[in-house]
Amino acid sequence: MTPNASTSSEPSRRSFLASTAVATAAVAGGMPLLAACGGSETGSREGSTSGKAADKLLPTYVASTAAQPDLPSKNGSAAGYTGKVDLAALATSVPDKLGTGAPFKIMSPFWGAPPKPGNAYYTALDAAAGTKVTWQNQDGNTYGEKLGAVLASSSIPDMVVVPSWELGGKIPNAVTAKFMDLGLYLAGDKVKKYPNLAAIPSDAWRMSIFGGALRGIPISAAPASFIVPYYRKDIFDEKGWSVPKSPDEFLSWAKDVTSAKAKVYACGDMSWSAQVIFGVRPAGTLGWNIEDDGKVTYRIEHPEFLEFLEWVRKLFAAGVVHPDDRARSGDPSQRFTAGQILVFNSDMSAWYTKTAEQAQANPEFQIDAMDYFGADGGNPTLYASQPASLWSLIRKGASKETIENALAAANFAAAPYGTKERMLVDYGVEGTHYTVKDGVPVKNERGNSEVINAWTSLAAPAPYFAHPDLPDVARKQVEWQQRMGAFMKKTSTYGMNIVEPSRYANLRSQFEQLELDYVRGHKKMSDVQAAISTWKSSGGDKLRDWYKKLLDKNGSGN
């Protein structure tokens, strides 16, 4: 029951930022966190809790039966719903208000202009959930700075939303120190009081263990959530172009179609997709893996890391990348819809948002996704995304009533597709925020200004796609994930929420800028190789030993 302004129940930095032109920092895999080896409040805050130790902390999983998907999850994909919305047939997932109406405060990242306090959307949700939330929405673009400052202070809101991409520096340890163990309320069968939370997949809950305790309420993500190489299908069809099926074919096609004079370029910066093509593991903790010979390695130590950089550099050198992408300015998705670039990479959200955006302005517009190919033109190797990307947490010291109200809000926010609660969260109040015609809900101006990312950051159901106005897009999204998921592997750190020792916090930060500079011709391959050597000698080899001990103790995620 995805609202017209968004696309799925899989929030991520890219989907949150899909319309802001600043989704440039996150890469698949992000920088997830892992909880303490010791599994106790007083133990080390570094390491992980996994295996049997983690299983004891998890809520009992009870799948929702509210609505059966038309396209069930397969190969790690999200589920898909392609039918119309029948308001009279919607199920009820929260039959009784679980909140008492006691006030509490929530701090959350927000992109765009937040709605005014007391608006009709917030009022309706509070009334339905039995809550009274004061939202302290913060600019998502600078959220990490605000989050770090708040966690370092003595004044923390009752509930705080923490994205995986902000888990760097001192924030991971602060999460363990400042937020409560929810196990007393959610572990085992206790979660059955909150059936929508019970229906969140166990892998997402496993990644919500911080400092040896279940502290986070997760936004779950489909493992087959990959960066997507989109192409202008309408232009490809008009020109009679075949979709490239190898790196060499792509480069050849790109040279043929680029016309600087006509201001048409083959693509934007393809670095995100190129990492997938060449089988490079994701950045962050997912980049670590136990090889067949038993050695633990990081992503930058493999030849495919250099190969992906070299191929992207060839694209820039050939002049097939738009100059604004070289300068990292403007919004690539706008260049894509304007026909200035024919291929660009983004997350799954762009499939729906761009189709909906262009429906009236350019009815001929068609967006589609290339299937990934490998470096040799054969089958690709894709790495599973972590099963959770964002968490809401409750501060230590919160009153029992505040805790119960916060959990009531999260339970309401996690309502599954096909329920009245999901409809309210995604669309607001019928007649006030949207209307339904022929089974298609459409937001009005008020809906688009009030019903935007806030409640959806508290919790989410199992991942799904549903676009009643564009059901074919939901079908294509699921089918693409299913096809790509057939080539998916998990790294040894999959499903783990890892806190690296703070002395290594900035060890890999140099590579983001180095990669940007190298593909644009500003650095040499010798600079990249020197950086890898420096990484090893300045802590990479010691961090490898740390990961080896961690994986020996906790087992592998794959």
Protein backbone atom coordinates (compact mmCIF):
# COMPACT_ATOMS: atom_id res chain seq x y z
CA MET A 1 0.00 0.00 0.00
CA THR A 2 2.81 2.25 -0.96
CA PRO A 3 1.98 5.94 -1.05
CA ASN A 4 2.26 7.85 -4.28
CA ALA A 5 5.26 9.74 -2.96
CA SER A 6 7.31 6.71 -1.95
CA THR A 7 7.97 3.19 -3.08
CA SER A 8 8.34 0.40 -0.59
CA SER A 9 8.72 -0.65 3.00
CA GLU A 10 12.52 -0.67 2.67
CA PRO A 11 13.77 2.72 3.83
CA SER A 12 17.45 3.34 3.23
CA ARG A 13 19.58 6.41 2.84
CA ARG A 14 19.09 6.25 -0.92
CA SER A 15 15.32 5.85 -0.78
CA PHE A 16 15.02 8.61 1.82
CA LEU A 17 17.12 10.87 -0.39
CA ALA A 18 15.75 9.77 -3.74
CA SER A 19 14.27 13.17 -4.45
CA THR A 20 16.99 15.33 -2.91
CA ALA A 21 19.93 14.83 -5.29
CA VAL A 22 22.33 14.11 -2.48
CA ALA A 23 22.30 10.31 -2.43
CA THR A 24 26.00 10.06 -3.11
CA ALA A 25 27.60 8.86 0.10
CA ALA A 26 25.96 5.50 0.81
CA VAL A 27 26.85 2.30 -1.00
CA ALA A 28 25.14 -1.07 -0.76
CA GLY A 29 25.95 -2.59 2.58
CA GLY A 30 26.43 0.74 4.32
CA MET A 31 28.30 0.75 7.61
CA PRO A 32 26.30 -1.60 9.82
CA LEU A 33 26.94 -2.13 13.50
CA LEU A 34 27.48 -5.24 15.59
CA ALA A 35 26.92 -5.85 19.27
CA ALA A 36 29.20 -6.95 22.10
CA CYS A 37 31.12 -10.22 22.24
CA GLY A 38 30.58 -10.47 25.95
CA GLY A 39 26.81 -10.21 25.68
CA SER A 40 26.48 -8.19 28.87
CA GLU A 41 25.99 -4.61 29.87
CA THR A 42 29.43 -4.49 31.50
CA GLY A 43 31.36 -6.32 28.81
CA SER A 44 33.22 -4.90 25.87
CA ARG A 45 31.11 -2.89 23.45
CA GLU A 46 33.16 -4.15 20.52
CA GLY A 47 32.42 -7.26 18.47
CA SER A 48 29.20 -9.16 17.91
CA THR A 49 26.46 -11.29 19.36
CA SER A 50 25.38 -14.01 16.97
CA GLY A 51 24.46 -17.68 16.77
CA LYS A 52 22.77 -19.25 19.78
CA ALA A 53 23.63 -16.29 22.00
CA ALA A 54 21.66 -13.99 19.69
CA ASP A 55 18.77 -16.43 19.23
CA LYS A 56 18.00 -16.26 22.95
CA LEU A 57 17.47 -12.49 22.67
CA LEU A 58 15.13 -12.46 19.67
CA PRO A 59 11.36 -11.97 19.57
CA THR A 60 9.31 -14.97 18.50
CA TYR A 61 8.51 -14.70 14.79
CA VAL A 62 4.81 -14.85 13.92
CA ALA A 63 4.13 -14.13 10.23
CA SER A 64 1.32 -11.78 9.30
CA THR A 65 -1.71 -13.24 7.51
CA ALA A 66 -3.26 -9.88 6.64
CA ALA A 67 -2.74 -10.22 2.90
CA GLN A 68 -1.08 -12.81 0.69
CA PRO A 69 1.31 -11.28 -1.87
CA ASP A 70 0.72 -11.79 -5.57
CA LEU A 71 4.49 -12.25 -5.89
CA PRO A 72 5.93 -14.04 -2.85
CA SER A 73 9.51 -13.39 -1.79
CA LYS A 74 12.03 -15.51 -3.69
CA ASN A 75 15.84 -15.50 -3.83
CA GLY A 76 15.91 -12.82 -1.14
CA SER A 77 13.50 -10.46 -2.90
CA ALA A 78 10.80 -8.33 -1.39
CA ALA A 79 7.21 -9.53 -1.82
CA GLY A 80 4.95 -7.85 -4.35
CA TYR A 81 1.31 -6.76 -4.38
CA THR A 82 -0.20 -5.82 -7.73
CA GLY A 83 -3.92 -5.61 -6.95
CA LYS A 84 -6.19 -2.64 -6.39
CA VAL A 85 -6.99 -1.24 -2.95
CA ASP A 86 -10.36 -2.25 -1.53
CA LEU A 87 -10.86 -0.08 1.55
CA ALA A 88 -13.77 -2.22 2.73
CA ALA A 89 -11.64 -5.36 2.69
CA LEU A 90 -8.69 -4.03 4.69
CA ALA A 91 -7.79 -6.09 7.76
CA THR A 92 -7.25 -4.71 11.24
CA SER A 93 -3.81 -5.36 12.73
CA VAL A 94 -4.20 -3.21 15.86
CA PRO A 95 -7.67 -4.04 17.22
CA ASP A 96 -7.03 -2.27 20.54
CA LYS A 97 -5.07 0.89 21.23
CA LEU A 98 -1.87 -0.14 22.95
CA GLY A 99 -0.87 3.39 23.90
CA THR A 100 -2.20 5.30 26.90
CA GLY A 101 -1.96 8.74 25.33
CA ALA A 102 0.95 9.78 27.53
CA PRO A 103 3.26 12.23 25.68
CA PHE A 104 6.76 11.30 24.53
CA LYS A 105 9.38 12.72 22.16
CA ILE A 106 10.97 11.15 19.07
CA MET A 107 14.05 12.41 17.19
CA SER A 108 14.27 11.26 13.59
CA PRO A 109 16.08 12.24 10.39
CA PHE A 110 13.90 14.09 7.90
CA TRP A 111 14.44 15.12 4.29
CA GLY A 112 12.46 18.04 3.00
CA ALA A 113 10.15 20.35 4.92
CA PRO A 114 8.65 18.61 7.96
CA PRO A 115 4.92 19.07 8.52
CA LYS A 116 3.76 21.47 11.21
CA PRO A 117 3.05 20.10 14.70
CA GLY A 118 -0.58 19.22 15.27
CA ASN A 119 -1.30 18.57 11.60
CA ALA A 120 -4.15 16.26 10.62
CA TYR A 121 -1.85 13.33 9.78
CA TYR A 122 -0.05 13.30 13.13
CA THR A 123 -3.32 13.86 14.97
CA ALA A 124 -5.04 10.94 13.23
CA LEU A 125 -2.15 8.55 13.88
CA ASP A 126 -1.92 9.51 17.54
CA ALA A 127 -5.66 8.97 17.91
CA ALA A 128 -5.53 5.55 16.23
CA ALA A 129 -2.44 4.29 18.08
CA GLY A 130 -3.26 5.81 21.44
CA THR A 131 -0.11 7.93 21.42
CA LYS A 132 0.88 11.56 21.74
CA VAL A 133 4.14 12.06 19.89
CA THR A 134 6.18 15.24 19.76
CA TRP A 135 8.41 14.91 16.71
CA GLN A 136 11.89 16.40 16.82
CA ASN A 137 12.64 16.04 13.12
CA GLN A 138 16.22 16.86 12.14
CA ASP A 139 17.75 17.57 8.73
CA GLY A 140 18.66 14.17 7.31
CA ASN A 141 21.63 15.58 5.41
CA THR A 142 23.40 16.56 8.64
CA TYR A 143 21.73 14.04 10.95
CA GLY A 144 24.97 12.36 11.98
CA GLU A 145 26.27 15.60 13.48
CA LYS A 146 23.06 16.18 15.42
CA LEU A 147 22.88 12.55 16.51
CA GLY A 148 26.44 12.59 17.81
CA ALA A 149 25.82 15.80 19.75
CA VAL A 150 22.58 14.54 21.29
CA LEU A 151 24.08 11.20 22.32
CA ALA A 152 27.01 13.00 23.93
CA SER A 153 24.64 15.13 25.98
CA SER A 154 22.61 14.37 29.09
CA SER A 155 19.32 15.24 27.36
CA ILE A 156 18.19 12.48 25.02
CA PRO A 157 14.66 12.26 23.57
CA ASP A 158 12.54 9.31 24.67
CA MET A 159 12.96 7.61 21.30
CA VAL A 160 15.72 8.16 18.74
CA VAL A 161 16.01 6.87 15.17
CA VAL A 162 19.52 5.69 14.25
CA PRO A 163 20.36 4.88 10.59
CA SER A 164 23.06 2.32 9.78
CA TRP A 165 25.00 4.87 7.73
CA GLU A 166 25.53 7.05 10.81
CA LEU A 167 27.09 4.27 12.87
CA GLY A 168 30.62 5.57 12.79
CA GLY A 169 33.00 7.18 15.26
CA LYS A 170 31.70 7.22 18.84
CA ILE A 171 28.03 6.67 17.95
CA PRO A 172 28.07 2.82 18.15
CA ASN A 173 29.33 2.82 21.73
CA ALA A 174 26.91 5.61 22.63
CA VAL A 175 24.03 3.49 21.35
CA THR A 176 24.97 0.73 23.78
CA ALA A 177 25.45 3.16 26.65
CA LYS A 178 22.37 5.34 26.19
CA PHE A 179 19.55 3.05 25.03
CA MET A 180 17.65 0.39 26.93
CA ASP A 181 17.41 -3.37 26.57
CA LEU A 182 14.02 -4.06 24.98
CA GLY A 183 14.24 -7.77 25.72
CA LEU A 184 12.09 -7.32 28.82
CA TYR A 185 9.24 -6.31 26.51
CA LEU A 186 9.95 -8.07 23.23
CA ALA A 187 12.14 -11.17 23.66
CA GLY A 188 10.54 -14.54 22.98
CA ASP A 189 6.76 -14.66 23.30
CA LYS A 190 6.61 -11.25 24.99
CA VAL A 191 6.49 -9.70 21.52
CA LYS A 192 3.10 -11.27 20.87
CA LYS A 193 1.54 -8.30 22.63
CA TYR A 194 2.77 -6.37 19.56
CA PRO A 195 1.79 -8.64 16.63
CA ASN A 196 3.09 -6.32 13.93
CA LEU A 197 6.52 -6.30 15.57
CA ALA A 198 6.34 -10.09 15.86
CA ALA A 199 5.91 -10.28 12.07
CA ILE A 200 9.23 -8.53 11.39
CA PRO A 201 11.73 -11.13 10.07
CA SER A 202 14.12 -12.58 12.66
CA ASP A 203 17.22 -11.61 10.66
CA ALA A 204 16.25 -7.95 11.06
CA TRP A 205 15.84 -8.40 14.81
CA ARG A 206 19.20 -10.20 15.00
CA MET A 207 20.82 -7.08 13.59
CA SER A 208 19.12 -5.03 16.29
CA ILE A 209 21.37 -6.40 19.04
CA PHE A 210 23.68 -3.70 20.35
CA GLY A 211 26.05 -4.28 23.24
CA GLY A 212 24.76 -7.77 23.89
CA ALA A 213 21.13 -6.68 24.24
CA LEU A 214 18.13 -6.21 21.96
CA ARG A 215 18.01 -2.42 21.78
CA GLY A 216 16.75 -1.53 18.31
CA ILE A 217 13.38 -1.86 16.58
CA PRO A 218 14.39 -2.50 12.96
CA ILE A 219 13.46 -1.34 9.52
CA SER A 220 13.95 -4.61 7.67
CA ALA A 221 15.38 -4.83 4.16
CA ALA A 222 15.28 -7.54 1.50
CA PRO A 223 18.69 -9.23 1.09
CA ALA A 224 18.32 -8.74 -2.68
CA SER A 225 18.24 -4.95 -2.27
CA PHE A 226 20.87 -4.02 -4.81
CA ILE A 227 21.85 -0.82 -6.56
CA VAL A 228 20.00 -0.75 -9.88
CA PRO A 229 21.50 0.21 -13.29
CA TYR A 230 18.50 1.95 -14.88
CA TYR A 231 18.19 2.65 -18.59
CA ARG A 232 15.81 4.64 -20.79
CA LYS A 233 13.87 1.78 -22.32
CA ASP A 234 11.79 4.10 -24.50
CA ILE A 235 14.92 5.54 -26.14
CA PHE A 236 16.59 2.12 -26.43
CA ASP A 237 13.48 0.77 -28.19
CA GLU A 238 13.23 3.80 -30.47
CA LYS A 239 16.89 3.53 -31.50
CA GLY A 240 16.88 -0.25 -31.73
CA TRP A 241 19.69 -0.62 -29.20
CA SER A 242 20.32 -3.88 -27.40
CA VAL A 243 21.02 -3.77 -23.69
CA PRO A 244 24.78 -4.39 -23.15
CA LYS A 245 25.70 -7.75 -21.66
CA SER A 246 29.38 -7.26 -20.77
CA PRO A 247 31.70 -4.43 -19.72
CA ASP A 248 33.20 -4.30 -23.21
CA GLU A 249 29.77 -4.14 -24.84
CA PHE A 250 28.75 -1.35 -22.48
CA LEU A 251 31.82 0.74 -23.27
CA SER A 252 31.40 0.19 -27.02
CA TRP A 253 27.70 1.12 -26.88
CA ALA A 254 28.46 4.14 -24.71
CA LYS A 255 30.96 5.51 -27.24
CA ASP A 256 28.49 5.02 -30.09
CA VAL A 257 25.56 6.83 -28.46
CA THR A 258 27.35 9.73 -26.77
CA SER A 259 27.10 13.07 -28.54
CA ALA A 260 28.60 15.98 -26.64
CA LYS A 261 27.29 18.32 -29.36
CA ALA A 262 23.75 17.12 -28.76
CA LYS A 263 24.37 17.11 -25.00
CA VAL A 264 23.51 13.42 -24.76
CA TYR A 265 25.81 11.14 -22.78
CA ALA A 266 25.62 7.42 -22.29
CA CYS A 267 25.66 7.43 -18.51
CA GLY A 268 26.34 9.02 -15.18
CA ASP A 269 29.02 7.82 -12.78
CA MET A 270 28.60 4.02 -12.89
CA SER A 271 30.81 3.25 -9.88
CA TRP A 272 28.03 1.74 -7.77
CA SER A 273 26.92 -0.65 -10.51
CA ALA A 274 30.48 -1.38 -11.58
CA GLN A 275 31.29 -2.76 -8.14
CA VAL A 276 28.52 -5.30 -8.65
CA ILE A 277 29.61 -6.12 -12.22
CA PHE A 278 33.14 -6.90 -11.06
CA GLY A 279 32.01 -8.77 -7.95
CA VAL A 280 33.43 -6.35 -5.41
CA ARG A 281 32.10 -6.88 -1.91
CA PRO A 282 30.18 -4.01 -0.27
CA ALA A 283 31.94 -1.39 1.82
CA GLY A 284 31.84 -1.47 5.60
CA THR A 285 31.67 -4.61 7.70
CA LEU A 286 30.08 -6.61 4.85
CA GLY A 287 33.38 -6.22 3.00
CA TRP A 288 35.03 -8.80 5.28
CA ASN A 289 34.87 -12.48 4.39
CA ILE A 290 36.48 -15.82 5.17
CA GLU A 291 37.99 -17.20 1.96
CA ASP A 292 38.11 -20.88 0.95
CA ASP A 293 41.63 -21.15 2.34
CA GLY A 294 40.44 -19.87 5.72
CA LYS A 295 42.06 -16.44 5.41
CA VAL A 296 40.00 -13.37 6.31
CA THR A 297 40.20 -10.62 3.68
CA TYR A 298 38.73 -7.18 3.05
CA ARG A 299 37.19 -6.00 -0.24
CA ILE A 300 40.09 -3.77 -1.30
CA GLU A 301 42.59 -6.65 -1.22
CA HIS A 302 41.19 -8.42 -4.26
CA PRO A 303 42.02 -7.83 -7.95
CA GLU A 304 38.37 -7.14 -8.78
CA PHE A 305 38.56 -3.96 -6.67
CA LEU A 306 41.23 -2.56 -8.99
CA GLU A 307 39.42 -3.90 -12.06
CA PHE A 308 36.19 -2.09 -11.21
CA LEU A 309 38.07 1.18 -10.72
CA GLU A 310 39.92 0.76 -14.02
CA TRP A 311 36.69 0.13 -15.97
CA VAL A 312 34.92 3.18 -14.54
CA ARG A 313 38.02 5.23 -15.33
CA LYS A 314 37.74 4.08 -18.96
CA LEU A 315 34.18 5.40 -19.08
CA PHE A 316 35.29 8.81 -17.86
CA ALA A 317 38.30 8.86 -20.18
CA ALA A 318 36.11 7.99 -23.17
CA GLY A 319 33.93 11.04 -22.51
CA VAL A 320 30.74 9.02 -22.20
CA VAL A 321 29.96 10.24 -18.66
CA HIS A 322 28.02 13.48 -18.31
CA PRO A 323 30.26 16.42 -17.30
CA ASP A 324 28.05 17.20 -14.30
CA ASP A 325 28.60 13.65 -13.04
CA ARG A 326 32.32 14.19 -13.39
CA ALA A 327 31.94 17.38 -11.35
CA ARG A 328 29.52 15.63 -8.95
CA SER A 329 26.98 18.41 -9.27
CA GLY A 330 23.24 18.43 -9.77
CA ASP A 331 20.87 15.46 -9.77
CA PRO A 332 21.69 12.52 -12.10
CA SER A 333 18.07 11.36 -12.00
CA GLN A 334 16.94 14.66 -13.50
CA ARG A 335 19.51 14.33 -16.26
CA PHE A 336 18.14 10.85 -16.83
CA THR A 337 14.52 11.95 -17.19
CA ALA A 338 15.62 14.82 -19.43
CA GLY A 339 17.36 12.37 -21.76
CA GLN A 340 20.79 13.88 -21.12
CA ILE A 341 22.04 10.53 -19.79
CA LEU A 342 20.65 7.17 -20.85
CA VAL A 343 21.84 5.02 -17.93
CA PHE A 344 22.25 5.84 -14.25
CA ASN A 345 22.39 3.93 -10.97
CA SER A 346 20.13 4.39 -7.99
CA ASP A 347 18.17 2.28 -5.55
CA MET A 348 14.84 0.51 -6.17
CA SER A 349 12.83 3.61 -5.29
CA ALA A 350 13.70 5.40 -8.53
CA TRP A 351 11.75 2.84 -10.57
CA TYR A 352 8.47 4.05 -9.13
CA THR A 353 9.27 7.69 -8.41
CA LYS A 354 10.55 8.41 -11.92
CA THR A 355 7.70 6.54 -13.61
CA ALA A 356 5.09 8.40 -11.54
CA GLU A 357 6.87 11.73 -11.98
CA GLN A 358 6.97 11.46 -15.77
CA ALA A 359 3.49 9.97 -16.29
CA GLN A 360 1.97 13.33 -17.16
CA ALA A 361 5.02 15.32 -18.28
CA ASN A 362 6.33 12.66 -20.68
CA PRO A 363 3.88 9.79 -21.31
CA GLU A 364 6.42 8.07 -23.60
CA PHE A 365 8.96 7.79 -20.78
CA GLN A 366 9.90 4.23 -19.80
CA ILE A 367 12.46 3.23 -17.20
CA ASP A 368 13.79 -0.30 -16.92
CA ALA A 369 16.65 -2.05 -15.17
CA MET A 370 19.57 -3.83 -16.79
CA ASP A 371 20.22 -7.32 -15.53
CA TYR A 372 23.70 -7.51 -14.09
CA PHE A 373 26.43 -9.32 -15.98
CA GLY A 374 29.81 -10.43 -14.71
CA ALA A 375 33.21 -9.01 -15.59
CA ASP A 376 33.55 -11.60 -18.37
CA GLY A 377 30.00 -11.21 -19.61
CA GLY A 378 28.91 -14.34 -17.74
CA ASN A 379 26.87 -14.65 -14.56
CA PRO A 380 27.45 -11.93 -11.97
CA THR A 381 28.17 -12.29 -8.27
CA LEU A 382 26.01 -10.07 -6.07
CA TYR A 383 26.36 -9.74 -2.31
CA ALA A 384 23.35 -9.71 -0.02
CA SER A 385 22.46 -6.46 1.71
CA GLN A 386 22.15 -6.44 5.46
CA PRO A 387 18.64 -7.35 6.68
CA ALA A 388 18.17 -4.11 8.62
CA SER A 389 19.15 -0.56 7.75
CA LEU A 390 17.68 1.66 10.44
CA TRP A 391 16.47 1.37 14.02
CA SER A 392 14.36 3.22 16.56
CA LEU A 393 15.64 2.98 20.14
CA ILE A 394 14.25 3.94 23.54
CA ARG A 395 16.47 5.81 25.99
CA LYS A 396 17.60 4.24 29.22
CA GLY A 397 15.68 5.60 32.17
CA ALA A 398 12.43 6.07 30.28
CA SER A 399 9.33 5.41 32.38
CA LYS A 400 7.37 2.19 31.89
CA GLU A 401 4.50 4.20 30.43
CA THR A 402 6.81 5.94 27.95
CA ILE A 403 8.27 2.59 26.89
CA GLU A 404 4.84 1.08 26.35
CA ASN A 405 3.70 4.09 24.32
CA ALA A 406 6.85 4.03 22.20
CA LEU A 407 6.33 0.32 21.50
CA ALA A 408 2.69 1.00 20.66
CA ALA A 409 3.79 3.58 18.08
CA ALA A 410 6.34 1.19 16.58
CA ASN A 411 3.79 -1.62 16.43
CA PHE A 412 1.37 0.65 14.57
CA ALA A 413 4.10 1.81 12.19
CA ALA A 414 4.98 -1.83 11.39
CA ALA A 415 1.47 -2.65 10.20
CA PRO A 416 1.61 -4.99 7.18
CA TYR A 417 0.23 -4.40 3.72
CA GLY A 418 -3.50 -4.96 3.42
CA THR A 419 -4.40 -3.39 6.76
CA LYS A 420 -6.21 -0.22 7.82
CA GLU A 421 -3.18 0.78 9.85
CA ARG A 422 -0.80 0.53 6.88
CA MET A 423 -3.22 2.62 4.83
CA LEU A 424 -3.28 5.32 7.50
CA VAL A 425 0.51 5.37 7.89
CA ASP A 426 1.13 5.51 4.15
CA TYR A 427 -1.73 7.74 2.97
CA GLY A 428 -3.25 9.52 5.95
CA VAL A 429 -6.97 10.18 6.24
CA GLU A 430 -9.28 9.51 3.31
CA GLY A 431 -10.82 12.74 2.09
CA THR A 432 -8.28 14.83 3.96
CA HIS A 433 -5.04 13.50 2.50
CA TYR A 434 -6.14 11.27 -0.38
CA THR A 435 -9.01 9.96 -2.45
CA VAL A 436 -9.55 6.53 -3.97
CA LYS A 437 -10.79 6.09 -7.53
CA ASP A 438 -11.05 2.67 -9.18
CA GLY A 439 -8.97 1.14 -6.40
CA VAL A 440 -6.15 3.65 -6.75
CA PRO A 441 -5.42 5.97 -3.80
CA VAL A 442 -4.06 9.36 -4.80
CA LYS A 443 -2.70 11.93 -2.40
CA ASN A 444 -3.80 15.53 -2.67
CA GLU A 445 -1.63 18.56 -1.98
CA ARG A 446 -2.18 18.29 1.75
CA GLY A 447 -1.29 14.62 1.71
CA ASN A 448 1.96 15.29 -0.10
CA SER A 449 2.95 17.92 2.46
CA GLU A 450 1.90 16.07 5.63
CA VAL A 451 2.13 12.33 4.93
CA ILE A 452 5.88 12.06 4.52
CA ASN A 453 8.72 10.22 6.24
CA ALA A 454 8.24 10.30 9.99
CA TRP A 455 6.14 7.43 11.31
CA THR A 456 7.71 5.15 8.68
CA SER A 457 11.08 5.52 10.41
CA LEU A 458 9.88 3.86 13.62
CA ALA A 459 9.42 0.34 12.25
CA ALA A 460 8.34 -1.42 9.07
CA PRO A 461 6.82 -4.75 8.08
CA ALA A 462 8.61 -7.41 6.06
CA PRO A 463 9.87 -5.82 2.81
CA TYR A 464 7.36 -5.45 -0.01
CA PHE A 465 6.55 -3.42 -3.11
CA ALA A 466 3.03 -2.20 -3.83
CA HIS A 467 2.01 0.61 -6.15
CA PRO A 468 -1.77 0.53 -6.79
CA ASP A 469 -1.43 3.32 -9.36
CA LEU A 470 1.46 1.57 -11.15
CA PRO A 471 1.17 -2.16 -10.36
CA ASP A 472 3.41 -3.14 -13.26
CA VAL A 473 6.30 -1.31 -11.61
CA ALA A 474 5.88 -3.36 -8.42
CA ARG A 475 5.90 -6.54 -10.50
CA LYS A 476 9.05 -5.51 -12.36
CA GLN A 477 10.81 -4.54 -9.12
CA VAL A 478 10.14 -7.91 -7.51
CA GLU A 479 10.97 -9.91 -10.63
CA TRP A 480 14.28 -8.05 -11.08
CA GLN A 481 15.25 -8.72 -7.47
CA GLN A 482 14.33 -12.38 -7.90
CA ARG A 483 16.45 -12.72 -11.05
CA MET A 484 19.42 -10.97 -9.48
CA GLY A 485 18.93 -12.77 -6.18
CA ALA A 486 19.62 -16.07 -7.96
CA PHE A 487 23.28 -14.92 -8.19
CA MET A 488 23.45 -13.62 -4.63
CA LYS A 489 26.03 -14.64 -2.02
CA LYS A 490 26.40 -13.71 1.61
CA THR A 491 29.66 -12.60 3.13
CA SER A 492 30.85 -14.04 6.43
CA THR A 493 29.61 -10.94 8.23
CA TYR A 494 26.07 -11.06 6.82
CA GLY A 495 23.34 -10.54 9.40
CA MET A 496 25.78 -9.36 12.04
CA ASN A 497 25.72 -5.97 13.66
CA ILE A 498 29.42 -5.26 14.20
CA VAL A 499 31.12 -2.63 16.31
CA GLU A 500 34.74 -2.36 15.25
CA PRO A 501 37.32 -1.14 17.78
CA SER A 502 37.29 2.65 17.83
CA ARG A 503 41.00 2.83 17.00
CA TYR A 504 40.12 1.58 13.51
CA ALA A 505 37.14 3.92 13.02
CA ASN A 506 38.74 6.00 10.26
CA LEU A 507 40.88 3.33 8.67
CA ARG A 508 38.92 2.98 5.44
CA SER A 509 37.67 6.56 5.12
CA GLN A 510 40.48 7.51 2.70
CA PHE A 511 39.17 5.18 0.01
CA GLU A 512 35.92 7.01 -0.73
CA GLN A 513 37.71 10.12 -1.97
CA LEU A 514 40.51 8.11 -3.55
CA GLU A 515 38.03 6.12 -5.64
CA LEU A 516 36.32 9.33 -6.80
CA ASP A 517 39.68 10.85 -7.77
CA TYR A 518 41.06 7.77 -9.51
CA VAL A 519 38.12 7.13 -11.85
CA ARG A 520 38.20 10.80 -12.86
CA GLY A 521 41.88 10.59 -13.74
CA HIS A 522 43.17 12.66 -10.82
CA LYS A 523 45.11 9.80 -9.20
CA LYS A 524 47.24 6.94 -10.52
CA MET A 525 46.89 3.22 -9.97
CA SER A 526 50.09 3.39 -7.97
CA ASP A 527 48.30 5.78 -5.59
CA VAL A 528 45.53 3.22 -5.06
CA GLN A 529 48.02 0.40 -4.50
CA ALA A 530 50.00 2.56 -2.07
CA ALA A 531 46.79 3.33 -0.15
CA ILE A 532 46.06 -0.40 0.15
CA SER A 533 49.55 -1.00 1.50
CA THR A 534 49.17 1.87 3.96
CA TRP A 535 45.78 0.51 5.04
CA LYS A 536 47.39 -2.83 5.86
CA SER A 537 50.33 -1.41 7.76
CA SER A 538 48.38 1.26 9.64
CA GLY A 539 45.85 -1.14 11.11
CA GLY A 540 44.24 -3.24 8.37
CA ASP A 541 46.24 -6.36 9.20
CA LYS A 542 45.50 -5.96 12.92
CA LEU A 543 41.80 -5.41 12.12
CA ARG A 544 41.92 -8.61 10.05
CA ASP A 545 43.19 -10.49 13.12
CA TRP A 546 40.37 -8.94 15.14
CA TYR A 547 37.78 -10.12 12.59
CA LYS A 548 39.34 -13.59 12.53
CA LYS A 549 38.88 -13.93 16.29
CA LEU A 550 35.38 -12.52 16.09
CA LEU A 551 34.29 -14.96 13.37
CA ASP A 552 36.02 -17.87 15.07
CA LYS A 553 34.06 -17.09 18.23
CA ASN A 554 30.68 -16.27 16.72
CA GLY A 555 30.62 -18.25 13.49
CA SER A 556 30.18 -17.08 9.92
CA GLY A 557 27.09 -15.31 8.58
CA ASN A 558 27.18 -17.37 5.39
